[in-house]
Amino acid sequence: MSPTARGPMKLPRPSEEAKAVFAKLVPDGPAVTLKPMFGQLSAFVNGNMFCGLFGEDLVVRLPEPEIAKSSSRAAGTSSPWPATRWAVT
């Protein structure tokens, strides 16, 4: 089935409250920026995304060994970006 036959992909949207809490959570620094991305809000350090919102969920990029140790949902199963390693809380 072609993408147009299915219609556009529906991404969850974060609430304004989630965006405000996320903005307070992200460390302040000259190399850190907040940017909207696909209707979500993401944080970047030196241009590399390190965490963001996916709907009401917080996603954090972690090294492989840390993902296994974390108590969050496994990356790849509910991660919006299964090709990279993300922990979804």
Protein backbone atom coordinates (compact mmCIF):
# COMPACT_ATOMS: atom_id res chain seq x y z
CA MET A 1 0.00 0.00 0.00
CA SER A 2 1.40 3.38 -0.91
CA PRO A 3 1.85 6.03 1.81
CA THR A 4 -0.81 8.22 0.25
CA ALA A 5 -3.34 5.37 0.33
CA ARG A 6 -2.81 5.01 4.11
CA GLY A 7 -2.90 8.73 4.73
CA PRO A 8 -0.41 10.78 6.69
CA MET A 9 1.26 9.27 9.73
CA LYS A 10 -0.32 10.47 12.98
CA LEU A 11 2.30 11.43 15.55
CA PRO A 12 1.31 12.04 19.17
CA ARG A 13 1.56 15.69 20.19
CA PRO A 14 3.01 16.85 23.50
CA SER A 15 0.86 19.07 25.68
CA GLU A 16 1.93 22.63 26.43
CA GLU A 17 2.53 21.51 30.02
CA ALA A 18 4.87 18.71 28.86
CA LYS A 19 6.78 21.19 26.69
CA ALA A 20 7.17 23.60 29.64
CA VAL A 21 8.40 20.86 31.98
CA PHE A 22 10.80 19.58 29.31
CA ALA A 23 12.22 23.07 28.73
CA LYS A 24 12.94 23.37 32.47
CA LEU A 25 14.56 19.91 32.52
CA VAL A 26 17.07 20.58 29.75
CA PRO A 27 20.36 21.98 31.05
CA ASP A 28 21.22 25.53 30.12
CA GLY A 29 24.48 25.95 28.24
CA PRO A 30 25.95 27.68 25.22
CA ALA A 31 26.08 24.44 23.20
CA VAL A 32 22.53 23.34 24.16
CA THR A 33 19.53 24.30 22.04
CA LEU A 34 15.83 23.47 22.05
CA LYS A 35 14.15 23.04 18.67
CA PRO A 36 10.79 21.83 17.44
CA MET A 37 11.08 18.65 15.41
CA PHE A 38 8.12 16.97 13.66
CA GLY A 39 5.70 18.63 16.09
CA GLN A 40 7.73 17.50 19.09
CA LEU A 41 10.31 19.39 21.14
CA SER A 42 13.93 18.19 21.13
CA ALA A 43 17.19 19.16 22.84
CA PHE A 44 20.51 19.25 21.03
CA VAL A 45 24.09 19.63 22.20
CA ASN A 46 26.53 20.79 19.52
CA GLY A 47 23.86 19.96 16.93
CA ASN A 48 23.31 16.36 18.14
CA MET A 49 19.94 15.40 19.57
CA PHE A 50 20.28 13.95 23.07
CA CYS A 51 16.70 13.97 24.32
CA GLY A 52 13.24 15.01 23.33
CA LEU A 53 9.53 14.60 23.68
CA PHE A 54 7.49 12.08 21.73
CA GLY A 55 3.94 12.94 22.65
CA GLU A 56 3.94 12.92 26.45
CA ASP A 57 6.96 10.56 26.64
CA LEU A 58 10.54 11.63 27.26
CA VAL A 59 13.12 9.97 25.01
CA VAL A 60 16.80 9.99 25.94
CA ARG A 61 19.73 8.82 23.85
CA LEU A 62 21.88 6.41 25.85
CA PRO A 63 24.87 4.15 25.19
CA GLU A 64 23.88 0.52 24.60
CA PRO A 65 25.00 -0.77 28.05
CA GLU A 66 23.00 1.96 29.81
CA ILE A 67 19.79 1.09 27.98
CA ALA A 68 19.96 -2.46 29.30
CA LYS A 69 20.40 -1.10 32.86
CA SER A 70 17.62 1.46 32.66
CA SER A 71 14.15 0.82 33.98
CA SER A 72 12.55 2.54 30.98
CA ARG A 73 10.93 0.77 28.06
CA ALA A 74 13.41 -0.86 25.70
CA ALA A 75 14.57 1.20 22.76
CA GLY A 76 13.42 -0.10 19.43
CA THR A 77 10.13 -1.48 20.72
CA SER A 78 8.44 1.78 21.55
CA SER A 79 11.14 4.19 20.45
CA PRO A 80 10.12 6.61 17.73
CA TRP A 81 13.60 6.14 16.22
CA PRO A 82 14.33 2.39 16.33
CA ALA A 83 17.47 2.70 14.19
CA THR A 84 19.21 4.56 17.02
CA ARG A 85 19.39 3.68 20.69
CA TRP A 86 16.86 5.60 22.76
CA ALA A 87 15.30 4.94 26.14
CA VAL A 88 11.64 5.93 26.36
CA THR A 89 10.33 6.91 29.78
